[in-house]
Protein backbone atom coordinates (compact mmCIF):
# COMPACT_ATOMS: atom_id res chain seq x y z
CA MET A 1 110.37 100.67 60.30
CA ILE A 2 110.65 104.52 60.77
CA ARG A 3 107.59 104.61 58.33
CA THR A 4 105.44 102.11 60.69
CA ALA A 5 106.75 104.26 63.77
CA ILE A 6 105.42 107.46 61.96
CA VAL A 7 101.91 105.67 60.77
CA ARG A 8 101.73 103.97 64.32
CA GLY A 9 102.32 107.66 65.70
CA LEU A 10 99.98 109.03 63.78
CA LEU A 11 96.94 106.57 64.74
CA PHE A 12 97.71 107.67 68.06
CA GLY A 13 97.64 111.38 67.05
CA ALA A 14 94.28 110.67 65.28
CA VAL A 15 92.60 109.39 68.36
CA GLY A 16 93.64 112.79 70.44
CA LEU A 17 92.38 114.86 67.42
CA HIS A 18 89.27 113.22 67.70
CA LEU A 19 89.00 113.69 71.46
CA ALA A 20 90.06 117.73 70.86
CA VAL A 21 87.46 118.34 68.23
CA VAL A 22 84.46 116.45 70.11
CA GLY A 23 85.27 118.81 73.48
CA VAL A 24 86.54 115.53 75.74
CA LEU A 25 90.23 117.10 75.95
CA LEU A 26 89.10 120.19 77.05
CA MET A 27 86.80 118.87 79.26
CA LEU A 28 89.26 116.58 81.03
CA HIS A 29 91.77 119.69 81.05
CA GLN A 30 89.30 121.09 83.89
CA ARG A 31 90.39 118.46 86.38
CA TRP A 32 93.44 118.39 87.99
CA ILE A 33 95.56 115.33 88.79
CA ILE A 34 97.91 117.48 90.53
CA ILE A 35 97.47 120.84 91.29
CA ASP A 36 99.10 123.34 89.08
CA THR A 37 101.62 120.76 87.78
CA ILE A 38 99.06 118.51 85.27
CA SER A 39 95.43 117.98 84.38
CA LEU A 40 93.76 115.28 83.29
CA GLY A 41 93.58 116.32 79.90
CA GLN A 42 97.60 117.00 79.66
CA ALA A 43 97.89 113.29 81.20
CA VAL A 44 95.62 112.01 78.08
CA LEU A 45 98.20 113.71 75.72
CA VAL A 46 101.16 112.19 77.58
CA LEU A 47 99.60 108.84 77.35
CA LEU A 48 99.13 108.83 73.88
CA ALA A 49 102.60 109.89 73.13
CA ILE A 50 103.61 106.90 75.69
CA GLY A 51 101.45 104.80 74.00
CA ALA A 52 102.96 105.39 70.70
CA GLY A 53 106.42 104.87 72.07
CA VAL A 54 105.47 101.53 73.06
CA MET A 55 103.51 100.34 70.05
CA ALA A 56 106.95 101.73 68.06
CA ALA A 57 109.38 99.99 70.02
CA PRO A 58 108.53 96.59 70.40
CA THR A 59 111.00 94.08 72.24
CA ASN A 60 110.91 91.54 69.45
CA ALA A 61 112.07 94.01 66.67
CA PRO A 62 115.21 92.83 64.83
CA GLU A 63 116.71 96.36 65.31
CA ALA A 64 119.02 97.32 68.37
CA PRO A 65 117.89 98.52 71.42
CA PRO A 66 118.97 102.26 70.42
CA ALA A 67 117.08 101.75 67.35
CA ARG A 68 114.03 100.73 69.00
CA LEU A 69 114.19 104.12 71.13
CA LEU A 70 114.62 106.48 68.18
CA PHE A 71 111.51 104.76 66.56
CA GLY A 72 109.67 105.34 70.09
CA LEU A 73 110.52 108.92 69.74
CA ILE A 74 109.92 109.46 66.12
CA ALA A 75 106.38 107.79 66.98
CA GLY A 76 105.69 110.18 70.09
CA ALA A 77 106.59 113.25 67.79
CA ALA A 78 104.12 111.90 64.84
CA ALA A 79 101.42 111.63 67.63
CA SER A 80 101.82 114.94 68.42
CA LEU A 81 101.36 116.16 64.48
CA PRO A 82 97.77 116.20 64.04
CA LEU A 83 97.16 118.55 67.13
CA ALA A 84 99.78 120.65 66.17
CA ALA A 85 97.88 120.72 62.88
CA LEU A 86 94.95 121.51 64.38
CA MET A 87 96.77 124.65 66.36
CA VAL A 88 97.66 126.04 63.26
CA ALA A 89 94.39 125.64 61.77
CA MET A 90 92.71 127.05 64.86
CA ASP A 91 95.38 130.33 64.26
CA LEU A 92 94.72 130.86 60.51
CA VAL A 93 90.88 130.05 60.19
CA ARG A 94 88.10 130.52 62.88
CA LEU A 95 86.78 126.80 63.47
CA GLN A 96 84.81 127.28 66.46
CA ALA A 97 81.66 128.58 64.50
CA VAL A 98 81.72 124.89 62.94
CA PHE A 99 83.35 122.85 66.15
CA ILE A 100 82.36 124.68 69.35
CA ALA A 101 85.11 122.92 71.14
CA LEU A 102 87.87 124.66 69.44
CA SER A 103 87.75 127.58 71.66
CA HIS A 104 90.99 129.78 72.73
CA ASP A 105 90.98 127.59 75.82
CA LEU A 106 92.07 124.31 73.90
CA PHE A 107 94.43 126.35 71.89
CA GLU A 108 95.99 127.90 75.16
CA MET A 109 95.72 124.17 76.43
CA LEU A 110 97.81 122.57 73.25
CA SER A 111 100.20 125.40 73.22
CA PHE A 112 100.96 125.40 76.96
CA ASP A 113 100.27 129.22 76.83
CA LEU A 114 103.86 129.88 74.83
CA GLY A 115 102.00 131.37 71.61
CA ASP A 116 101.80 129.81 68.12
CA PHE A 117 105.29 128.57 67.22
CA LEU A 118 106.85 128.11 70.60
CA GLY A 119 103.58 126.06 71.29
CA VAL A 120 103.71 123.90 68.51
CA LEU A 121 107.35 123.46 69.19
CA ALA A 122 106.50 122.36 72.76
CA LEU A 123 103.60 120.21 71.67
CA ILE A 124 105.82 118.11 69.31
CA GLY A 125 108.98 118.15 71.37
CA GLY A 126 106.93 116.88 74.83
CA GLY A 127 105.15 114.09 72.49
CA ALA A 128 108.74 112.88 71.28
CA VAL A 129 109.63 113.00 74.75
CA GLY A 130 106.58 110.68 75.73
CA GLY A 131 107.40 108.95 72.90
CA LEU A 132 110.92 108.05 73.93
CA ALA A 133 109.41 107.26 77.55
CA GLY A 134 107.34 104.59 76.15
CA ALA A 135 109.82 103.09 74.66
CA VAL A 136 112.54 103.02 77.40
CA LEU A 137 109.49 101.48 79.37
CA GLN A 138 108.93 98.85 76.84
CA HIS A 139 112.46 97.80 77.61
CA THR A 140 112.50 98.06 81.55
CA PRO A 141 112.59 94.60 83.31
CA PRO A 142 109.05 94.05 83.62
CA GLY A 143 109.00 94.33 87.29
CA ILE A 144 110.17 98.35 87.41
CA ARG A 145 107.60 98.53 84.70
CA ARG A 146 104.85 97.26 86.88
CA ALA A 147 105.91 99.06 89.84
CA VAL A 148 105.79 102.66 87.67
CA ILE A 149 102.58 101.62 85.94
CA ALA A 150 101.40 101.13 89.19
CA GLY A 151 102.63 104.47 90.57
CA ALA A 152 100.90 106.33 87.82
CA ALA A 153 97.69 104.84 88.26
CA ALA A 154 97.50 105.23 91.95
CA VAL A 155 98.34 109.14 91.33
CA VAL A 156 95.75 109.77 88.68
CA VAL A 157 93.38 107.60 91.22
CA ALA A 158 94.00 109.87 93.91
CA GLY A 159 93.87 112.98 91.75
CA VAL A 160 90.66 112.39 89.88
CA PHE A 161 88.61 110.96 92.84
CA GLN A 162 90.02 113.89 95.52
CA GLU A 163 87.15 115.09 96.18
CA LEU A 164 85.61 111.74 97.56
CA ILE A 165 88.92 110.45 99.12
CA GLN A 166 88.93 113.99 101.11
CA LEU A 167 85.27 113.81 102.23
CA MET A 168 86.20 110.15 103.67
CA LEU A 169 89.50 111.97 105.78
CA GLN A 170 87.19 114.40 107.35
CA PHE A 171 88.74 114.19 110.76
CA GLU A 172 90.74 116.15 113.10
CA GLY A 173 93.88 115.12 114.51
CA LEU A 174 95.81 112.66 112.90
CA ILE A 175 93.91 111.77 109.62
CA GLY A 176 93.67 115.28 109.14
CA ASP A 177 97.04 116.27 109.16
CA ILE A 178 97.51 113.46 106.57
CA ARG A 179 94.99 115.14 104.24
CA ASP A 180 96.65 118.18 104.66
CA PHE A 181 99.94 116.78 103.53
CA PHE A 182 98.46 114.73 100.83
CA TYR A 183 95.25 117.65 99.46
CA THR A 184 95.24 120.95 99.02
CA TRP A 185 91.26 122.54 98.92
CA GLU A 186 91.99 122.58 94.89
CA GLY A 187 93.04 119.18 94.63
CA LEU A 188 96.36 116.70 95.16
CA SER A 189 99.54 118.23 95.98
CA PRO A 190 103.04 117.65 94.29
CA GLN A 191 104.29 116.24 97.57
CA GLY A 192 101.50 114.23 97.98
CA ALA A 193 101.58 112.94 94.37
CA ALA A 194 105.14 112.06 94.76
CA VAL A 195 104.93 110.01 98.01
CA VAL A 196 101.58 108.23 96.73
CA PHE A 197 103.95 107.34 93.17
CA ALA A 198 106.34 106.01 95.70
CA ILE A 199 104.62 104.19 97.87
CA THR A 200 102.46 102.30 95.57
CA ALA A 201 105.55 101.65 93.56
CA ILE A 202 107.63 100.11 96.60
CA VAL A 203 104.48 98.18 97.74
CA SER A 204 103.60 96.71 94.00
CA GLN A 205 107.30 95.69 93.68
CA VAL A 206 107.38 93.91 97.07
CA ARG A 207 104.27 92.13 96.63
CA SER A 208 105.34 91.47 92.89
CA ALA A 209 108.54 89.78 94.24
CA ALA A 210 106.95 87.83 97.48
CA SER A 211 104.09 86.35 94.96
CA ARG A 212 106.53 84.93 92.75
CA ARG A 213 108.27 83.10 95.63
CA ASN A 214 105.23 81.87 97.16
CA GLN A 215 103.48 81.13 93.96
CA ALA A 216 106.03 78.64 93.27
CA ALA A 217 105.91 76.74 96.19
CA LEU A 218 101.94 76.61 96.67
CA THR A 219 99.79 73.79 95.84
CA ASP A 220 96.61 74.49 93.42
CA GLN A 221 94.28 74.42 96.75
CA GLN A 222 96.66 76.94 98.04
CA ARG A 223 96.48 79.14 95.92
CA GLN A 224 92.53 78.99 95.38
CA ARG A 225 92.40 79.47 99.34
CA GLN A 226 94.75 82.64 98.86
CA ARG A 227 92.34 83.98 96.39
CA MET A 228 89.34 83.55 98.35
CA ILE A 229 90.94 85.37 101.33
CA ARG A 230 91.99 87.96 98.94
CA ALA A 231 88.57 88.05 98.12
CA LEU A 232 86.95 88.43 101.66
CA LEU A 233 89.23 91.24 102.38
CA CYS A 234 88.17 93.16 99.56
CA LEU A 235 84.32 92.41 100.79
CA ALA A 236 85.38 93.65 104.25
CA GLY A 237 86.53 96.66 102.79
CA LEU A 238 83.51 97.37 100.56
CA ALA A 239 81.42 97.00 103.72
CA VAL A 240 83.52 99.49 106.01
CA LEU A 241 83.90 101.86 103.13
CA PRO A 242 80.33 103.37 102.87
CA ALA A 243 80.34 103.61 106.74
CA LEU A 244 83.33 106.18 106.33
CA ALA A 245 82.79 107.63 102.98
CA GLY A 246 79.12 108.95 103.34
CA SER A 247 75.77 108.55 101.56
CA TYR A 248 76.86 108.97 98.14
CA ILE A 249 79.18 105.81 98.24
CA GLY A 250 76.59 104.48 99.73
CA GLN A 251 74.36 104.69 97.34
CA VAL A 252 76.48 103.92 94.62
CA LEU A 253 77.85 100.52 96.53
CA MET A 254 74.11 99.75 96.61
CA LEU A 255 73.34 99.99 92.89
CA VAL A 256 76.61 98.11 92.25
CA GLY A 257 75.08 95.43 94.79
CA LEU A 258 72.07 95.28 92.87
CA PHE A 259 73.87 94.55 89.71
CA ILE A 260 75.75 92.05 91.30
CA LEU A 261 72.40 90.28 92.39
CA MET A 262 71.27 90.44 88.73
CA GLY A 263 74.70 89.10 87.24
CA MET A 264 74.25 86.20 89.58
CA CYS A 265 70.89 85.64 87.51
CA LEU A 266 72.14 86.23 84.12
CA ASN A 267 75.25 84.19 85.26
CA LEU A 268 73.21 80.87 86.06
CA ASP A 269 71.82 81.35 82.51
CA VAL A 270 74.51 82.20 80.29
CA GLY A 271 77.57 81.56 82.36
CA LEU A 272 76.64 77.73 83.64
CA ALA A 273 73.53 76.75 81.61
CA GLY A 274 74.85 78.36 78.18
CA LEU A 275 71.09 80.22 78.02
CA LEU A 276 71.33 83.71 76.53
CA ASP A 277 68.38 85.24 78.03
CA LEU A 278 68.08 89.08 77.52
CA GLY A 279 64.46 89.08 78.95
CA PHE A 280 65.34 88.62 82.83
CA VAL A 281 64.97 92.31 83.36
CA ALA A 282 61.25 91.22 83.84
CA PHE A 283 62.15 89.27 86.28
CA PHE A 284 63.62 91.96 87.83
CA ALA A 285 60.43 94.17 87.43
CA VAL A 286 58.38 91.63 88.96
CA GLY A 287 60.23 91.58 91.86
CA ALA A 288 59.84 95.34 92.33
CA TYR A 289 56.08 95.47 91.07
CA ALA A 290 55.25 92.57 93.66
CA THR A 291 56.76 94.66 96.51
CA ALA A 292 55.12 97.31 95.70
CA LEU A 293 51.75 96.00 95.61
CA LEU A 294 52.15 94.40 98.77
CA THR A 295 53.75 96.94 100.79
CA ALA A 296 52.65 100.24 99.59
CA ASP A 297 50.57 102.84 100.97
CA ASN A 298 48.55 103.69 97.93
CA PRO A 299 44.99 102.77 96.66
CA HIS A 300 46.66 100.41 94.19
CA ALA A 301 48.07 98.12 96.64
CA LEU A 302 46.76 94.56 97.31
CA LEU A 303 48.39 94.14 101.28
CA HIS A 304 50.09 96.39 103.34
CA LEU A 305 52.81 93.53 104.28
CA SER A 306 55.83 94.40 106.21
CA TYR A 307 58.81 94.10 103.56
CA TRP A 308 60.16 91.12 105.22
CA ALA A 309 56.81 89.28 104.74
CA ALA A 310 56.75 91.07 101.03
CA MET A 311 60.06 90.02 99.56
CA PRO A 312 59.52 86.10 99.86
CA ILE A 313 56.54 86.43 97.86
CA ALA A 314 58.02 88.79 95.58
CA VAL A 315 61.02 86.31 94.75
CA LEU A 316 58.57 83.35 94.58
CA LEU A 317 56.63 85.13 91.75
CA SER A 318 59.77 86.17 89.94
CA ILE A 319 60.64 82.17 90.15
CA CYS A 320 56.99 81.20 88.84
CA MET A 321 57.61 84.03 85.96
CA GLY A 322 60.55 82.51 85.20
CA VAL A 323 59.47 78.85 84.64
CA ILE A 324 56.46 80.46 82.42
CA PHE A 325 58.95 82.25 80.36
CA GLY A 326 60.99 79.29 80.04
CA ILE A 327 58.42 76.72 78.43
CA PRO A 328 57.88 78.65 75.10
CA VAL A 329 61.87 78.71 74.53
CA LEU A 330 62.86 75.31 75.57
CA GLY A 331 63.46 74.26 71.70
CA VAL A 332 65.32 77.34 70.88
CA ARG A 333 69.07 77.91 71.03
CA GLY A 334 71.97 80.40 70.52
CA ASP A 335 71.12 83.90 69.01
CA TYR A 336 67.30 82.70 68.67
CA LEU A 337 67.05 82.33 72.33
CA ALA A 338 68.32 85.69 72.89
CA VAL A 339 66.16 87.20 70.53
CA ALA A 340 62.91 85.05 72.04
CA THR A 341 63.81 86.02 75.28
CA MET A 342 63.99 89.98 74.41
CA GLY A 343 60.82 89.66 73.04
CA LEU A 344 59.32 88.16 76.17
CA GLY A 345 60.87 91.07 78.52
CA GLU A 346 59.27 93.62 76.34
CA ILE A 347 56.10 91.96 76.27
CA VAL A 348 56.15 92.40 80.23
CA ARG A 349 57.45 96.01 79.82
CA VAL A 350 54.45 96.92 77.60
CA ILE A 351 51.73 95.09 79.46
CA VAL A 352 52.79 97.29 82.39
CA LEU A 353 52.49 100.39 80.31
CA SER A 354 49.16 99.22 79.03
CA ASP A 355 45.67 100.75 79.86
CA PHE A 356 44.27 97.04 80.34
CA ALA A 357 46.86 96.61 83.79
CA SER A 358 46.86 100.62 84.82
CA PRO A 359 44.17 100.07 87.36
CA LEU A 360 46.32 97.36 89.25
CA LEU A 361 49.85 98.39 88.40
CA GLY A 362 49.61 102.41 87.94
CA GLY A 363 50.31 102.41 84.37
CA ALA A 364 52.78 105.48 83.25
CA GLN A 365 52.35 106.99 86.93
CA GLY A 366 53.69 103.78 88.78
CA LEU A 367 53.45 102.88 91.98
CA LEU A 368 54.55 105.25 95.05
CA GLN A 369 54.97 105.65 98.85
CA ILE A 370 56.80 102.24 99.30
CA PRO A 371 57.84 102.37 103.02
CA LYS A 372 61.27 101.60 103.83
CA PRO A 373 62.13 98.09 105.55
CA ALA A 374 62.31 98.37 109.44
CA LEU A 375 64.74 95.84 111.44
CA GLY A 376 63.42 95.85 114.88
CA GLY A 377 62.98 99.76 116.28
CA PHE A 378 65.49 100.50 113.46
CA THR A 379 64.43 101.82 109.84
CA LEU A 380 66.43 100.95 106.77
CA GLY A 381 66.23 104.50 105.05
CA SER A 382 69.54 105.70 104.40
CA PRO A 383 71.20 104.63 101.42
CA VAL A 384 74.14 103.20 103.36
CA SER A 385 71.64 101.00 105.88
CA LEU A 386 70.10 99.80 102.52
CA PHE A 387 73.63 98.92 101.18
CA TYR A 388 73.96 96.86 103.99
CA LEU A 389 71.01 95.24 103.24
CA THR A 390 71.90 94.68 99.30
CA LEU A 391 75.29 93.27 100.68
CA VAL A 392 73.99 90.65 102.91
CA ALA A 393 71.73 89.47 100.06
CA SER A 394 74.26 89.50 97.68
CA GLY A 395 76.63 87.19 100.33
CA VAL A 396 73.44 84.94 100.25
CA ALA A 397 72.72 84.85 96.53
CA ALA A 398 76.63 84.48 96.18
CA PHE A 399 76.58 81.52 98.39
CA VAL A 400 73.90 79.88 96.91
CA ALA A 401 74.90 79.87 93.42
CA TRP A 402 78.57 78.95 94.59
CA ARG A 403 77.14 75.71 96.12
CA LEU A 404 75.24 75.34 92.78
CA GLU A 405 77.92 75.41 90.52
CA ASN A 406 79.84 72.58 92.34
CA SER A 407 76.36 70.24 92.80
CA ARG A 408 74.96 67.73 90.14
CA LEU A 409 72.50 70.39 88.92
CA GLY A 410 75.62 72.91 88.52
CA ARG A 411 77.75 69.91 86.62
CA ALA A 412 74.38 69.62 84.11
CA TRP A 413 74.13 73.03 83.33
CA MET A 414 77.79 73.04 81.88
CA ALA A 415 76.96 69.81 80.22
CA LEU A 416 73.98 72.21 78.52
CA ARG A 417 76.40 74.51 77.70
CA ASP A 418 78.99 72.48 76.21
CA ASP A 419 76.40 70.38 74.04
CA GLU A 420 73.08 69.72 74.67
CA ASP A 421 72.86 66.76 72.56
CA VAL A 422 75.56 64.80 73.98
CA ALA A 423 74.17 66.06 77.55
CA GLN A 424 70.78 64.93 76.70
CA ALA A 425 72.45 61.20 75.32
CA LEU A 426 74.00 61.25 78.82
CA GLY A 427 70.83 60.90 80.36
CA ILE A 428 70.46 65.05 81.54
CA ASN A 429 67.08 65.93 81.66
CA LEU A 430 67.07 68.84 79.89
CA ILE A 431 63.80 70.41 79.97
CA ARG A 432 63.97 69.91 84.18
CA SER A 433 67.33 71.62 83.89
CA LYS A 434 66.52 74.65 81.83
CA LEU A 435 63.44 75.17 83.80
CA MET A 436 65.61 75.17 87.04
CA ALA A 437 68.03 77.52 85.53
CA TYR A 438 65.26 80.08 84.69
CA GLY A 439 63.66 79.64 87.80
CA LEU A 440 66.79 80.17 90.14
CA GLY A 441 67.99 82.99 88.08
CA ALA A 442 64.61 84.70 88.18
CA ALA A 443 64.77 84.21 92.02
CA PHE A 444 68.29 86.58 92.10
CA ALA A 445 66.55 89.29 89.94
CA GLY A 446 63.11 89.29 91.55
CA LEU A 447 65.45 89.84 95.00
CA ALA A 448 67.38 92.68 93.38
CA GLY A 449 63.92 94.17 91.87
CA SER A 450 62.58 93.94 95.67
CA ILE A 451 65.43 95.89 97.10
CA PHE A 452 65.40 98.40 94.24
CA ALA A 453 61.64 99.01 94.87
CA VAL A 454 62.45 100.09 98.54
CA MET A 455 65.36 101.97 97.56
CA LEU A 456 63.75 104.32 95.46
CA GLY A 457 60.21 104.40 97.31
CA SER A 458 58.66 104.37 94.14
CA VAL A 459 58.76 101.71 90.71
CA TYR A 460 58.21 103.06 87.13
CA PRO A 461 57.68 100.84 84.15
CA SER A 462 60.78 103.49 82.65
CA SER A 463 62.95 101.67 85.40
CA PHE A 464 62.89 98.13 83.47
CA GLN A 465 64.17 98.82 79.99
CA LEU A 466 66.34 96.22 77.77
CA LEU A 467 69.51 98.15 78.47
CA ILE A 468 69.49 97.02 81.69
CA SER A 469 70.04 93.42 80.58
CA ILE A 470 72.29 94.53 78.22
CA ASN A 471 74.73 96.11 81.04
CA VAL A 472 74.36 93.15 82.88
CA LEU A 473 75.27 90.94 80.22
CA ALA A 474 77.96 93.41 79.74
CA LEU A 475 79.33 93.28 83.29
CA ILE A 476 79.41 89.70 83.36
CA ILE A 477 81.49 89.35 79.95
CA VAL A 478 83.89 91.72 81.43
CA GLY A 479 84.41 90.24 85.01
CA GLY A 480 84.60 86.97 83.61
CA MET A 481 81.61 84.59 82.59
CA GLY A 482 80.97 82.02 84.75
CA SER A 483 82.74 83.17 87.43
CA LEU A 484 81.15 84.14 90.72
CA PRO A 485 84.23 86.98 91.74
CA GLY A 486 83.93 88.09 88.11
CA VAL A 487 80.56 89.04 88.33
CA ALA A 488 81.26 91.12 91.35
CA LEU A 489 84.44 92.83 89.75
CA GLY A 490 82.72 93.63 86.56
CA SER A 491 80.05 95.48 88.14
CA ILE A 492 82.28 97.34 89.97
CA ALA A 493 84.18 98.02 86.85
CA LEU A 494 81.27 98.90 84.93
CA ILE A 495 78.74 100.36 87.37
CA GLY A 496 80.38 101.91 90.37
CA LEU A 497 83.36 103.54 88.06
CA PRO A 498 80.57 105.33 85.78
CA GLU A 499 78.50 106.40 88.66
CA LEU A 500 82.14 107.82 90.68
CA LEU A 501 82.71 109.85 86.93
CA ARG A 502 79.24 111.22 86.67
CA GLU A 503 80.45 114.77 86.76
CA PHE A 504 81.87 114.25 83.38
CA GLY A 505 78.37 113.94 82.10
CA GLU A 506 77.33 111.72 79.27
CA TYR A 507 81.44 111.77 78.15
CA ARG A 508 81.69 108.79 81.08
CA TYR A 509 79.86 106.57 78.43
CA LEU A 510 82.67 106.94 76.05
CA PHE A 511 85.31 105.95 78.64
CA TYR A 512 82.79 102.98 79.29
CA GLY A 513 82.64 101.73 75.59
CA ALA A 514 86.77 102.24 74.95
CA VAL A 515 87.21 99.86 78.13
CA LEU A 516 85.07 97.49 76.64
CA ILE A 517 86.71 97.55 73.43
CA ILE A 518 89.88 97.62 74.89
CA MET A 519 88.86 94.70 77.28
CA MET A 520 88.13 92.29 74.71
CA ARG A 521 90.89 92.83 72.76
CA LEU A 522 93.52 92.37 75.39
CA ARG A 523 91.70 89.85 77.86
CA PRO A 524 88.54 88.45 76.15
CA GLU A 525 88.25 85.92 79.23
CA GLY A 526 87.58 89.07 81.44
CA LEU A 527 89.37 90.26 84.54
CA TRP A 528 88.79 87.36 86.85
CA PRO A 529 87.63 84.47 84.72
CA SER A 530 86.97 80.76 85.84
CA GLU A 531 89.37 78.46 85.18
CA ALA A 532 86.98 76.62 82.57
CA ARG A 533 86.59 79.83 80.50
CA ARG A 534 90.26 80.34 80.32
CA ARG A 535 90.88 77.07 78.91
CA GLU A 536 88.15 77.58 76.54
CA LEU A 537 90.02 80.60 74.98
CA HIS A 538 93.95 79.59 75.66
CA GLY A 539 93.79 75.99 75.02
CA SER A 540 94.60 76.67 71.54
CA ASP A 541 97.64 78.51 72.76
CA GLU A 542 99.02 76.27 75.12
CA SER A 543 98.27 73.46 72.41
CA LEU A 544 100.67 75.66 69.99
CA ALA A 545 103.26 75.96 72.52
CA LEU A 546 103.26 71.91 73.05
CA ASP A 547 103.59 71.40 69.49
CA ALA A 548 106.81 73.81 69.84
CA GLY A 549 108.07 72.20 72.25
CA SER A 550 107.97 68.75 70.64
CA ASP A 551 109.58 70.09 67.72
CA LEU A 552 112.83 70.71 70.13
CA LEU A 553 115.67 67.88 70.04
CA PRO A 554 115.89 66.16 73.40
CA ALA A 555 119.06 68.08 74.09
CA GLN A 556 117.17 71.74 73.53
CA ARG A 557 114.49 70.90 75.71
CA THR A 558 116.94 70.12 78.71
């Protein structure tokens, strides 16, 4: 078991070594979580040591608890060995000529400014303490463990996003005093971090205890009602947030709203009907270009309508395009359908870029001077006002999608997803059902494209790449396939957070990929899955548990 602990610790250490060599660790070190106490880079080192301790001291191990704690300590020390070896190598050889990130600043970070020998000892000793903490955390009661994790996560969020939080608290009086208590101009203060940790841990513990008491006495309908109330409260919070936080948060949330609209489009096709469509970005482009051609103040414009008159036309054209795209692929299934629809999406992009269509669509130069929508005498020109337009559109689309899911058409789509042959044998019209899925999904995408056009004030072919389709597919998988709340949650997680972390440059995509991998390993059904999706992925686990229970004697069951 000691050998296993060492191997697991070295695996975590290899991750830390990679982050140091590619420059991520030093870049994270430049952002304080708690000012003059711990940086984001140092927090990553602590997290690696704790993770090694947790993995090396499982609760189902046959050894006694003191031995498991020893395994966690050994694993944490082993997780620091690769970085300690890197420090020694940096001291003996000038590695920065090969790896530019291996600078003197990185050496000072790893050594805690203690020099060569003491720095190595401090790094290994700190790793051992972190591994021991992970092992202790693994063996604490679940309620306490959840409270500690929630408190630590709240401190990290409060420290990393301190600029945005301080921007939201730019008021005089009581709010200003609260801001000054929690933050200095450089970041989160130690006393503020302690209060954030304590409040979050207490709230988490109280909420967990109350939830356990309530859930046992609630019916399924009451639980569903509670989930809806929580979703509405979150929606209300999102509605108020841009007005308090300013235009940048409004811009980010507007982008999230657009991807929610497109996620609902793909959720109808993939989550309900089982049609893996990777070309729906074409419908997004149709909505944007139709709005530009009908409203723009430039020579390419066909008409000069208001936005409210042009938007329904853009949605209708997107529906027609969805039906036209669906006809050639009616008999195609599975991965072949994904490739075919991807080809159709690329055809639209190539046509928009072609010289043949450039007199109408502007070619690579795009269409400019798209006016902002006006409502009465008020122009929706700011990101915050456009966010509310996106929020209303997302709410309407969510209501339509929710009603469709429980309708006769929605049940027909779910039958198609499960087995097309059986669905056809039951009397479901495959052609009509598939074309309805493509058309209604295209309507949501066209609406998103229409809002996108007025948001930018221009449209370009480069804005409609295949990557958009891939991002939307990723967000509905992470959020929960077939789940409307999951689409919103996945959009916030995969679109909103990377935008807020834009200051980390291209490294934010490294976090993006790591989160996707971890998500698919730990929770493949998604963050907020539908009941059907949860049963599909965990039905075998329940069957195994029932089979194991049936092998028990009657006396053992009682």
